[in-house]
Amino acid sequence: MFWRVIRTAAPDRSWPAIHATVALFEQKFKIAEAQLSHNRFLAGDSFCLADIQFGHILYLYCNIEITREALPNLAPFYRGLTQRRAYRDHVMLDMTICGYHQTGPCPFQADRNPRSKLELPSDTTVRT
């Protein structure tokens, strides 16, 4: 999903393939959504390797221009990650170095984008 959006020129993107891949990712994200409904972190009350790995994928998911399903437990989890200096310094990187140029504000991107309010911008479509 990420490379199809980030590294593929806009006119050459296969949106049906991207949407199909997003749907597969979101099925997996529902596992995290369920865990986060009763845990502070993915595996319980302590931050662990699972949160680190998932956090890097979540950053990419939240910062590319796609339509997202509403996953309310992921938003506070993501906000918590963005408060960690190591996450901001090592995960929240400028994706333009990969050749990606987003046309709108980066959703959820804290401290790197002054327009961010840690919410999806109003012009972003969220499926419910």
C-alpha atoms as a PDB file:
ATOM      1  CA  MET A   1       0.000   0.000   0.000  1.00  0.00           C
ATOM      2  CA  PHE A   2       2.668   2.497   0.981  1.00  0.00           C
ATOM      3  CA  TRP A   3       4.912   2.079  -2.026  1.00  0.00           C
ATOM      4  CA  ARG A   4       1.930   2.102  -4.381  1.00  0.00           C
ATOM      5  CA  VAL A   5       1.070   5.561  -3.057  1.00  0.00           C
ATOM      6  CA  ILE A   6       4.479   6.953  -2.091  1.00  0.00           C
ATOM      7  CA  ARG A   7       6.679   5.795  -4.959  1.00  0.00           C
ATOM      8  CA  THR A   8       4.179   5.704  -7.801  1.00  0.00           C
ATOM      9  CA  ALA A   9       3.459   8.907  -9.700  1.00  0.00           C
ATOM     10  CA  ALA A  10      -0.107  10.077  -9.112  1.00  0.00           C
ATOM     11  CA  PRO A  11      -1.319   9.434 -12.683  1.00  0.00           C
ATOM     12  CA  ASP A  12       0.088   5.885 -12.580  1.00  0.00           C
ATOM     13  CA  ARG A  13      -1.447   4.778  -9.269  1.00  0.00           C
ATOM     14  CA  SER A  14      -3.835   1.846  -9.382  1.00  0.00           C
ATOM     15  CA  TRP A  15      -6.504   3.003  -6.950  1.00  0.00           C
ATOM     16  CA  PRO A  16      -8.483  -0.259  -7.068  1.00  0.00           C
ATOM     17  CA  ALA A  17      -5.335  -2.144  -6.021  1.00  0.00           C
ATOM     18  CA  ILE A  18      -4.539   0.453  -3.342  1.00  0.00           C
ATOM     19  CA  HIS A  19      -8.085   0.294  -1.924  1.00  0.00           C
ATOM     20  CA  ALA A  20      -7.966  -3.513  -1.859  1.00  0.00           C
ATOM     21  CA  THR A  21      -4.676  -3.427   0.039  1.00  0.00           C
ATOM     22  CA  VAL A  22      -5.972  -0.795   2.465  1.00  0.00           C
ATOM     23  CA  ALA A  23      -8.970  -3.034   3.192  1.00  0.00           C
ATOM     24  CA  LEU A  24      -6.622  -5.945   3.982  1.00  0.00           C
ATOM     25  CA  PHE A  25      -4.540  -3.744   6.297  1.00  0.00           C
ATOM     26  CA  GLU A  26      -7.637  -2.480   8.052  1.00  0.00           C
ATOM     27  CA  GLN A  27      -8.751  -6.049   8.770  1.00  0.00           C
ATOM     28  CA  LYS A  28      -5.438  -6.492  10.607  1.00  0.00           C
ATOM     29  CA  PHE A  29      -5.805  -3.077  12.263  1.00  0.00           C
ATOM     30  CA  LYS A  30      -9.079  -4.286  13.781  1.00  0.00           C
ATOM     31  CA  ILE A  31      -7.026  -6.738  15.839  1.00  0.00           C
ATOM     32  CA  ALA A  32      -5.088  -3.798  17.273  1.00  0.00           C
ATOM     33  CA  GLU A  33      -8.322  -1.842  17.640  1.00  0.00           C
ATOM     34  CA  ALA A  34      -9.772  -4.647  19.787  1.00  0.00           C
ATOM     35  CA  GLN A  35      -6.608  -4.898  21.909  1.00  0.00           C
ATOM     36  CA  LEU A  36      -6.532  -1.155  22.447  1.00  0.00           C
ATOM     37  CA  SER A  37     -10.159  -1.143  23.568  1.00  0.00           C
ATOM     38  CA  HIS A  38      -9.060  -2.716  26.856  1.00  0.00           C
ATOM     39  CA  ASN A  39      -5.273  -2.199  26.968  1.00  0.00           C
ATOM     40  CA  ARG A  40      -3.110   0.894  27.013  1.00  0.00           C
ATOM     41  CA  PHE A  41      -0.702  -0.789  24.571  1.00  0.00           C
ATOM     42  CA  LEU A  42      -1.014  -3.723  22.174  1.00  0.00           C
ATOM     43  CA  ALA A  43       0.144  -6.397  24.617  1.00  0.00           C
ATOM     44  CA  GLY A  44      -1.100  -4.887  27.877  1.00  0.00           C
ATOM     45  CA  ASP A  45      -0.197  -1.965  30.090  1.00  0.00           C
ATOM     46  CA  SER A  46       3.492  -1.804  29.146  1.00  0.00           C
ATOM     47  CA  PHE A  47       5.055  -0.448  25.966  1.00  0.00           C
ATOM     48  CA  CYS A  48       6.813  -3.245  24.079  1.00  0.00           C
ATOM     49  CA  LEU A  49       8.344  -4.276  20.759  1.00  0.00           C
ATOM     50  CA  ALA A  50       4.889  -4.877  19.249  1.00  0.00           C
ATOM     51  CA  ASP A  51       4.029  -1.206  19.765  1.00  0.00           C
ATOM     52  CA  ILE A  52       7.268  -0.113  18.113  1.00  0.00           C
ATOM     53  CA  GLN A  53       6.720  -2.217  15.007  1.00  0.00           C
ATOM     54  CA  PHE A  54       3.039  -1.367  14.742  1.00  0.00           C
ATOM     55  CA  GLY A  55       3.762   2.328  15.354  1.00  0.00           C
ATOM     56  CA  HIS A  56       5.958   2.583  12.301  1.00  0.00           C
ATOM     57  CA  ILE A  57       3.266   1.024  10.097  1.00  0.00           C
ATOM     58  CA  LEU A  58       0.608   3.226  11.683  1.00  0.00           C
ATOM     59  CA  TYR A  59       2.641   6.344  10.876  1.00  0.00           C
ATOM     60  CA  LEU A  60       2.772   5.445   7.204  1.00  0.00           C
ATOM     61  CA  TYR A  61      -0.933   4.544   7.169  1.00  0.00           C
ATOM     62  CA  CYS A  62      -1.866   7.864   8.782  1.00  0.00           C
ATOM     63  CA  ASN A  63       0.300   9.992   6.525  1.00  0.00           C
ATOM     64  CA  ILE A  64      -0.570   8.954   3.005  1.00  0.00           C
ATOM     65  CA  GLU A  65      -3.573  10.169   1.075  1.00  0.00           C
ATOM     66  CA  ILE A  66      -6.070   7.327   1.316  1.00  0.00           C
ATOM     67  CA  THR A  67      -9.587   6.894   2.601  1.00  0.00           C
ATOM     68  CA  ARG A  68      -9.445   5.374   6.077  1.00  0.00           C
ATOM     69  CA  GLU A  69     -11.897   3.365   8.115  1.00  0.00           C
ATOM     70  CA  ALA A  70     -12.873   4.892  11.454  1.00  0.00           C
ATOM     71  CA  LEU A  71     -10.792   3.115  14.125  1.00  0.00           C
ATOM     72  CA  PRO A  72     -11.353   5.181  17.291  1.00  0.00           C
ATOM     73  CA  ASN A  73      -8.958   3.317  19.603  1.00  0.00           C
ATOM     74  CA  LEU A  74      -6.023   3.812  17.249  1.00  0.00           C
ATOM     75  CA  ALA A  75      -6.190   7.632  17.390  1.00  0.00           C
ATOM     76  CA  PRO A  76      -5.313   7.987  21.109  1.00  0.00           C
ATOM     77  CA  PHE A  77      -2.717   5.224  20.789  1.00  0.00           C
ATOM     78  CA  TYR A  78      -1.125   7.095  17.869  1.00  0.00           C
ATOM     79  CA  ARG A  79      -1.240  10.403  19.755  1.00  0.00           C
ATOM     80  CA  GLY A  80       0.593   8.710  22.604  1.00  0.00           C
ATOM     81  CA  LEU A  81       3.291   7.489  20.234  1.00  0.00           C
ATOM     82  CA  THR A  82       3.749  10.972  18.790  1.00  0.00           C
ATOM     83  CA  GLN A  83       4.495  12.253  22.296  1.00  0.00           C
ATOM     84  CA  ARG A  84       7.577  10.015  22.470  1.00  0.00           C
ATOM     85  CA  ARG A  85      10.707  11.807  21.347  1.00  0.00           C
ATOM     86  CA  ALA A  86      12.251   8.645  19.866  1.00  0.00           C
ATOM     87  CA  TYR A  87       9.120   8.104  17.760  1.00  0.00           C
ATOM     88  CA  ARG A  88       9.185  11.668  16.469  1.00  0.00           C
ATOM     89  CA  ASP A  89      12.909  11.531  15.753  1.00  0.00           C
ATOM     90  CA  HIS A  90      13.118   8.097  14.156  1.00  0.00           C
ATOM     91  CA  VAL A  91       9.689   7.277  12.745  1.00  0.00           C
ATOM     92  CA  MET A  92       7.988  10.558  11.880  1.00  0.00           C
ATOM     93  CA  LEU A  93      10.305  11.287   8.987  1.00  0.00           C
ATOM     94  CA  ASP A  94       9.695  13.514   6.003  1.00  0.00           C
ATOM     95  CA  MET A  95       8.390  11.174   3.304  1.00  0.00           C
ATOM     96  CA  THR A  96       9.357  13.563   0.532  1.00  0.00           C
ATOM     97  CA  ILE A  97      12.809  11.980   0.706  1.00  0.00           C
ATOM     98  CA  CYS A  98      11.123   8.893  -0.778  1.00  0.00           C
ATOM     99  CA  GLY A  99       9.694  10.995  -3.576  1.00  0.00           C
ATOM    100  CA  TYR A 100       6.253  11.364  -1.961  1.00  0.00           C
ATOM    101  CA  HIS A 101       4.573  14.734  -2.157  1.00  0.00           C
ATOM    102  CA  GLN A 102       1.255  14.829  -0.348  1.00  0.00           C
ATOM    103  CA  THR A 103      -1.093  17.522  -1.573  1.00  0.00           C
ATOM    104  CA  GLY A 104      -2.863  18.088   1.743  1.00  0.00           C
ATOM    105  CA  PRO A 105      -1.816  18.348   5.377  1.00  0.00           C
ATOM    106  CA  CYS A 106      -0.401  15.212   6.972  1.00  0.00           C
ATOM    107  CA  PRO A 107      -3.087  13.647   9.172  1.00  0.00           C
ATOM    108  CA  PHE A 108      -2.070  13.076  12.800  1.00  0.00           C
ATOM    109  CA  GLN A 109       1.487  14.390  12.265  1.00  0.00           C
ATOM    110  CA  ALA A 110       2.436  16.111  15.523  1.00  0.00           C
ATOM    111  CA  ASP A 111       5.326  18.525  15.993  1.00  0.00           C
ATOM    112  CA  ARG A 112       6.497  18.184  12.392  1.00  0.00           C
ATOM    113  CA  ASN A 113       3.543  19.981  10.842  1.00  0.00           C
ATOM    114  CA  PRO A 114       2.317  23.184  12.497  1.00  0.00           C
ATOM    115  CA  ARG A 115      -1.105  22.739  10.838  1.00  0.00           C
ATOM    116  CA  SER A 116      -1.647  19.421  12.612  1.00  0.00           C
ATOM    117  CA  LYS A 117      -4.165  19.059  15.427  1.00  0.00           C
ATOM    118  CA  LEU A 118      -3.615  15.287  15.790  1.00  0.00           C
ATOM    119  CA  GLU A 119      -6.907  14.761  13.988  1.00  0.00           C
ATOM    120  CA  LEU A 120      -7.763  13.903  10.438  1.00  0.00           C
ATOM    121  CA  PRO A 121      -8.216  17.066   8.395  1.00  0.00           C
ATOM    122  CA  SER A 122     -11.828  17.858   7.603  1.00  0.00           C
ATOM    123  CA  ASP A 123     -11.295  17.180   3.900  1.00  0.00           C
ATOM    124  CA  THR A 124     -10.104  13.592   4.575  1.00  0.00           C
ATOM    125  CA  THR A 125     -12.677  10.905   3.948  1.00  0.00           C
ATOM    126  CA  VAL A 126     -13.156   8.401   6.765  1.00  0.00           C
ATOM    127  CA  ARG A 127     -15.308   5.340   6.198  1.00  0.00           C
ATOM    128  CA  THR A 128     -17.626   4.409   9.048  1.00  0.00           C
END
